[in-house]
C-alpha atoms as a PDB file:
ATOM      1  CA  MET A   1     -18.995   9.520 -11.145  1.00  0.00           C
ATOM      2  CA  ASN A   2     -19.375  10.247  -7.420  1.00  0.00           C
ATOM      3  CA  GLN A   3     -16.491  11.237  -5.132  1.00  0.00           C
ATOM      4  CA  SER A   4     -16.175   7.751  -3.644  1.00  0.00           C
ATOM      5  CA  GLU A   5     -15.697   6.251  -7.097  1.00  0.00           C
ATOM      6  CA  VAL A   6     -13.068   8.876  -7.925  1.00  0.00           C
ATOM      7  CA  LEU A   7     -11.151   8.040  -4.743  1.00  0.00           C
ATOM      8  CA  ALA A   8     -11.382   4.300  -5.425  1.00  0.00           C
ATOM      9  CA  ASP A   9     -10.034   4.834  -8.942  1.00  0.00           C
ATOM     10  CA  ARG A  10      -7.134   6.920  -7.588  1.00  0.00           C
ATOM     11  CA  PHE A  11      -6.343   4.178  -5.084  1.00  0.00           C
ATOM     12  CA  ARG A  12      -6.423   1.485  -7.782  1.00  0.00           C
ATOM     13  CA  GLU A  13      -4.146   3.635  -9.908  1.00  0.00           C
ATOM     14  CA  VAL A  14      -1.321   3.727  -7.354  1.00  0.00           C
ATOM     15  CA  MET A  15      -1.768   0.167  -6.203  1.00  0.00           C
ATOM     16  CA  LEU A  16      -2.918  -1.963  -9.108  1.00  0.00           C
ATOM     17  CA  SER A  17      -3.186  -0.515 -12.558  1.00  0.00           C
ATOM     18  CA  GLY A  18      -2.406   3.135 -13.139  1.00  0.00           C
ATOM     19  CA  THR A  19       0.492   5.062 -14.540  1.00  0.00           C
ATOM     20  CA  TRP A  20      -0.769   8.642 -14.672  1.00  0.00           C
ATOM     21  CA  ILE A  21       1.046  10.112 -11.633  1.00  0.00           C
ATOM     22  CA  ALA A  22       4.175   7.971 -11.191  1.00  0.00           C
ATOM     23  CA  ASN A  23       4.272   6.122 -14.506  1.00  0.00           C
ATOM     24  CA  THR A  24       4.143   2.916 -12.430  1.00  0.00           C
ATOM     25  CA  ASN A  25       2.215   1.275  -9.583  1.00  0.00           C
ATOM     26  CA  TYR A  26       2.767  -1.305  -6.851  1.00  0.00           C
ATOM     27  CA  TYR A  27       1.641  -4.202  -9.016  1.00  0.00           C
ATOM     28  CA  HIS A  28       4.067  -3.226 -11.765  1.00  0.00           C
ATOM     29  CA  GLN A  29       6.937  -2.843  -9.287  1.00  0.00           C
ATOM     30  CA  LEU A  30       6.307  -5.988  -7.212  1.00  0.00           C
ATOM     31  CA  HIS A  31       4.681  -8.576  -9.475  1.00  0.00           C
ATOM     32  CA  GLY A  32       7.279 -11.162 -10.484  1.00  0.00           C
ATOM     33  CA  LEU A  33       9.922  -9.704  -8.165  1.00  0.00           C
ATOM     34  CA  GLU A  34      12.167 -12.314  -6.601  1.00  0.00           C
ATOM     35  CA  VAL A  35      12.255 -12.486  -2.821  1.00  0.00           C
ATOM     36  CA  LYS A  36      16.031 -12.069  -2.993  1.00  0.00           C
ATOM     37  CA  MET A  37      15.589  -8.561  -4.395  1.00  0.00           C
ATOM     38  CA  ALA A  38      12.552  -7.804  -2.229  1.00  0.00           C
ATOM     39  CA  THR A  39      14.554  -8.520   0.929  1.00  0.00           C
ATOM     40  CA  ALA A  40      17.923  -7.120  -0.175  1.00  0.00           C
ATOM     41  CA  HIS A  41      19.348  -4.291   1.903  1.00  0.00           C
ATOM     42  CA  VAL A  42      20.629  -1.035   0.467  1.00  0.00           C
ATOM     43  CA  ALA A  43      22.583   0.838   3.138  1.00  0.00           C
ATOM     44  CA  ASN A  44      20.229   1.506   6.046  1.00  0.00           C
ATOM     45  CA  LEU A  45      17.052   1.783   3.937  1.00  0.00           C
ATOM     46  CA  ASN A  46      13.992  -0.373   4.500  1.00  0.00           C
ATOM     47  CA  THR A  47      13.759  -3.309   2.132  1.00  0.00           C
ATOM     48  CA  ILE A  48      11.170  -3.445  -0.638  1.00  0.00           C
ATOM     49  CA  ALA A  49       9.401  -6.252   1.247  1.00  0.00           C
ATOM     50  CA  VAL A  50       9.186  -4.196   4.437  1.00  0.00           C
ATOM     51  CA  LEU A  51       7.853  -1.160   2.555  1.00  0.00           C
ATOM     52  CA  ALA A  52       5.209  -3.283   0.825  1.00  0.00           C
ATOM     53  CA  GLN A  53       4.179  -4.860   4.138  1.00  0.00           C
ATOM     54  CA  HIS A  54       4.082  -1.397   5.732  1.00  0.00           C
ATOM     55  CA  ILE A  55       1.609  -0.135   3.136  1.00  0.00           C
ATOM     56  CA  HIS A  56      -0.421  -3.336   3.425  1.00  0.00           C
ATOM     57  CA  TYR A  57      -0.561  -2.892   7.206  1.00  0.00           C
ATOM     58  CA  TYR A  58      -2.400   0.416   6.758  1.00  0.00           C
ATOM     59  CA  ILE A  59      -4.646  -0.836   3.953  1.00  0.00           C
ATOM     60  CA  ALA A  60      -5.716  -3.836   6.056  1.00  0.00           C
ATOM     61  CA  GLY A  61      -6.248  -1.674   9.145  1.00  0.00           C
ATOM     62  CA  ILE A  62      -8.407   0.908   7.399  1.00  0.00           C
ATOM     63  CA  LYS A  63     -10.266  -1.817   5.506  1.00  0.00           C
ATOM     64  CA  GLN A  64     -11.194  -3.346   8.873  1.00  0.00           C
ATOM     65  CA  VAL A  65     -12.832  -0.055   9.886  1.00  0.00           C
ATOM     66  CA  PHE A  66     -14.730   0.098   6.572  1.00  0.00           C
ATOM     67  CA  LEU A  67     -16.082  -3.374   7.383  1.00  0.00           C
ATOM     68  CA  GLY A  68     -17.390  -2.156  10.746  1.00  0.00           C
ATOM     69  CA  GLY A  69     -14.434  -3.152  12.912  1.00  0.00           C
ATOM     70  CA  SER A  70     -12.295  -1.080  15.193  1.00  0.00           C
ATOM     71  CA  LEU A  71      -9.149   0.827  14.323  1.00  0.00           C
ATOM     72  CA  GLU A  72      -6.393  -1.387  15.711  1.00  0.00           C
ATOM     73  CA  ILE A  73      -3.358  -0.281  13.700  1.00  0.00           C
ATOM     74  CA  ARG A  74      -0.666   1.772  15.393  1.00  0.00           C
ATOM     75  CA  ASP A  75       2.190   3.655  13.767  1.00  0.00           C
ATOM     76  CA  LYS A  76       4.704   2.172  16.198  1.00  0.00           C
ATOM     77  CA  PHE A  77       3.978  -1.319  14.819  1.00  0.00           C
ATOM     78  CA  SER A  78       3.805  -0.390  11.133  1.00  0.00           C
ATOM     79  CA  PHE A  79       7.319  -1.625  10.310  1.00  0.00           C
ATOM     80  CA  ASP A  80       7.358  -4.715  12.564  1.00  0.00           C
ATOM     81  CA  PHE A  81       7.189  -7.820  10.382  1.00  0.00           C
ATOM     82  CA  PRO A  82       8.811 -11.224  10.549  1.00  0.00           C
ATOM     83  CA  PRO A  83      11.502 -11.792   7.919  1.00  0.00           C
ATOM     84  CA  MET A  84      10.339 -12.819   4.459  1.00  0.00           C
ATOM     85  CA  GLU A  85      12.293 -16.057   4.003  1.00  0.00           C
ATOM     86  CA  SER A  86      11.091 -17.737   0.813  1.00  0.00           C
ATOM     87  CA  GLN A  87       9.713 -17.002  -2.627  1.00  0.00           C
ATOM     88  CA  GLU A  88       6.526 -18.827  -1.659  1.00  0.00           C
ATOM     89  CA  GLN A  89       6.086 -16.645   1.410  1.00  0.00           C
ATOM     90  CA  TRP A  90       6.668 -13.502  -0.675  1.00  0.00           C
ATOM     91  CA  GLU A  91       4.195 -14.596  -3.352  1.00  0.00           C
ATOM     92  CA  ALA A  92       1.571 -15.487  -0.739  1.00  0.00           C
ATOM     93  CA  PHE A  93       1.989 -12.029   0.780  1.00  0.00           C
ATOM     94  CA  LEU A  94       1.611 -10.400  -2.642  1.00  0.00           C
ATOM     95  CA  GLU A  95      -1.576 -12.352  -3.394  1.00  0.00           C
ATOM     96  CA  LYS A  96      -3.069 -11.164  -0.094  1.00  0.00           C
ATOM     97  CA  PHE A  97      -1.836  -7.638  -0.818  1.00  0.00           C
ATOM     98  CA  TRP A  98      -3.558  -7.526  -4.233  1.00  0.00           C
ATOM     99  CA  ARG A  99      -6.792  -8.988  -2.822  1.00  0.00           C
ATOM    100  CA  ASP A 100      -6.836  -6.470   0.029  1.00  0.00           C
ATOM    101  CA  CYS A 101      -6.107  -3.599  -2.360  1.00  0.00           C
ATOM    102  CA  GLU A 102      -9.069  -4.476  -4.572  1.00  0.00           C
ATOM    103  CA  ALA A 103     -11.320  -5.091  -1.553  1.00  0.00           C
ATOM    104  CA  PHE A 104     -10.270  -1.705  -0.129  1.00  0.00           C
ATOM    105  CA  ALA A 105     -11.117   0.006  -3.438  1.00  0.00           C
ATOM    106  CA  GLN A 106     -14.506  -1.721  -3.598  1.00  0.00           C
ATOM    107  CA  LEU A 107     -15.299  -0.620  -0.050  1.00  0.00           C
ATOM    108  CA  VAL A 108     -14.312   2.966  -0.856  1.00  0.00           C
ATOM    109  CA  GLU A 109     -16.664   2.919  -3.869  1.00  0.00           C
ATOM    110  CA  GLN A 110     -19.546   2.003  -1.556  1.00  0.00           C
ATOM    111  CA  ILE A 111     -19.052   4.912   0.850  1.00  0.00           C
ATOM    112  CA  PRO A 112     -21.861   7.444   0.386  1.00  0.00           C
ATOM    113  CA  ASP A 113     -20.468  10.863  -0.511  1.00  0.00           C
ATOM    114  CA  GLU A 114     -22.020  12.399   2.623  1.00  0.00           C
ATOM    115  CA  GLN A 115     -20.063   9.913   4.785  1.00  0.00           C
ATOM    116  CA  LEU A 116     -16.773  11.085   3.249  1.00  0.00           C
ATOM    117  CA  ASN A 117     -17.017  14.239   5.383  1.00  0.00           C
ATOM    118  CA  ALA A 118     -17.854  12.315   8.562  1.00  0.00           C
ATOM    119  CA  ALA A 119     -15.292  11.679  11.289  1.00  0.00           C
ATOM    120  CA  PHE A 120     -13.198   8.560  10.743  1.00  0.00           C
ATOM    121  CA  VAL A 121     -13.455   6.565  14.002  1.00  0.00           C
ATOM    122  CA  ASP A 122     -12.656   9.671  16.087  1.00  0.00           C
ATOM    123  CA  GLU A 123     -12.532  13.346  15.128  1.00  0.00           C
ATOM    124  CA  LYS A 124      -8.802  13.430  15.872  1.00  0.00           C
ATOM    125  CA  TYR A 125      -8.258  11.177  12.819  1.00  0.00           C
ATOM    126  CA  GLY A 126     -10.046  13.529  10.449  1.00  0.00           C
ATOM    127  CA  THR A 127     -12.668  12.504   7.924  1.00  0.00           C
ATOM    128  CA  TYR A 128     -13.114   9.383   5.838  1.00  0.00           C
ATOM    129  CA  GLN A 129     -12.038  11.356   2.783  1.00  0.00           C
ATOM    130  CA  ARG A 130      -8.883  12.624   4.477  1.00  0.00           C
ATOM    131  CA  ASN A 131      -7.929   9.082   5.498  1.00  0.00           C
ATOM    132  CA  ILE A 132      -8.504   7.684   2.020  1.00  0.00           C
ATOM    133  CA  GLU A 133      -6.563  10.515   0.405  1.00  0.00           C
ATOM    134  CA  GLY A 134      -3.842  10.066   3.034  1.00  0.00           C
ATOM    135  CA  MET A 135      -3.621   6.369   2.165  1.00  0.00           C
ATOM    136  CA  ILE A 136      -3.182   7.243  -1.514  1.00  0.00           C
ATOM    137  CA  GLU A 137      -0.504   9.865  -0.779  1.00  0.00           C
ATOM    138  CA  HIS A 138       1.287   7.557   1.653  1.00  0.00           C
ATOM    139  CA  ALA A 139       1.270   4.811  -0.978  1.00  0.00           C
ATOM    140  CA  TYR A 140       2.823   7.115  -3.581  1.00  0.00           C
ATOM    141  CA  TYR A 141       5.527   8.164  -1.118  1.00  0.00           C
ATOM    142  CA  HIS A 142       6.623   4.570  -0.532  1.00  0.00           C
ATOM    143  CA  LEU A 143       6.148   3.637  -4.202  1.00  0.00           C
ATOM    144  CA  GLY A 144       8.858   6.176  -4.991  1.00  0.00           C
ATOM    145  CA  GLN A 145      11.136   4.543  -2.439  1.00  0.00           C
ATOM    146  CA  ILE A 146      10.454   1.079  -3.838  1.00  0.00           C
ATOM    147  CA  SER A 147      11.198   2.272  -7.380  1.00  0.00           C
ATOM    148  CA  LEU A 148      14.491   3.841  -6.324  1.00  0.00           C
ATOM    149  CA  ILE A 149      15.579   0.831  -4.262  1.00  0.00           C
ATOM    150  CA  LYS A 150      14.835  -1.464  -7.215  1.00  0.00           C
ATOM    151  CA  LYS A 151      16.972   0.736  -9.469  1.00  0.00           C
ATOM    152  CA  LEU A 152      19.808   0.780  -6.945  1.00  0.00           C
ATOM    153  CA  LEU A 153      19.663  -2.998  -6.572  1.00  0.00           C
ATOM    154  CA  SER A 154      19.499  -3.529 -10.339  1.00  0.00           C
ATOM    155  CA  ASN A 155      22.525  -1.290 -10.870  1.00  0.00           C
ATOM    156  CA  THR A 156      24.433  -3.127  -8.122  1.00  0.00           C
ATOM    157  CA  THR A 157      23.530  -6.499  -9.655  1.00  0.00           C
ATOM    158  CA  LEU A 158      24.538  -5.350 -13.117  1.00  0.00           C
ATOM    159  CA  GLN A 159      27.900  -4.053 -11.866  1.00  0.00           C
ATOM    160  CA  SER A 160      28.712  -7.239  -9.908  1.00  0.00           C
END
């Protein structure tokens, strides 16, 4: 297995199907989740929906570069999303999220190993490999937040 395939598998693990590192993944945490819980506030924390959209924002932005486009994402906009107002809207977002996750993984698999050490868009952004690994690490960071928020909300619901 080449390095690109290893990275794609690691990405799929956190997003779609793995349990090795966190014993869960985004699909497990979000699939079947009601919009009411996804948009519920716990203190001043981001909602589950906002965290999921935040991760999707970066996946979609990096995917665009892999497809030959420009890097248009900006950190200052990475939490700016319109409110999620219905179950249908939430489910439509999730379907796009899962499709983009798999497309991202497939694009990573196609990157020649020698390109992994090449500059990603501009040298200041590091290499392709660093950006892919950063996406995986960033996803795990927010997956932990989502898991904790779900537990807090479940405990609150159970106590009510």
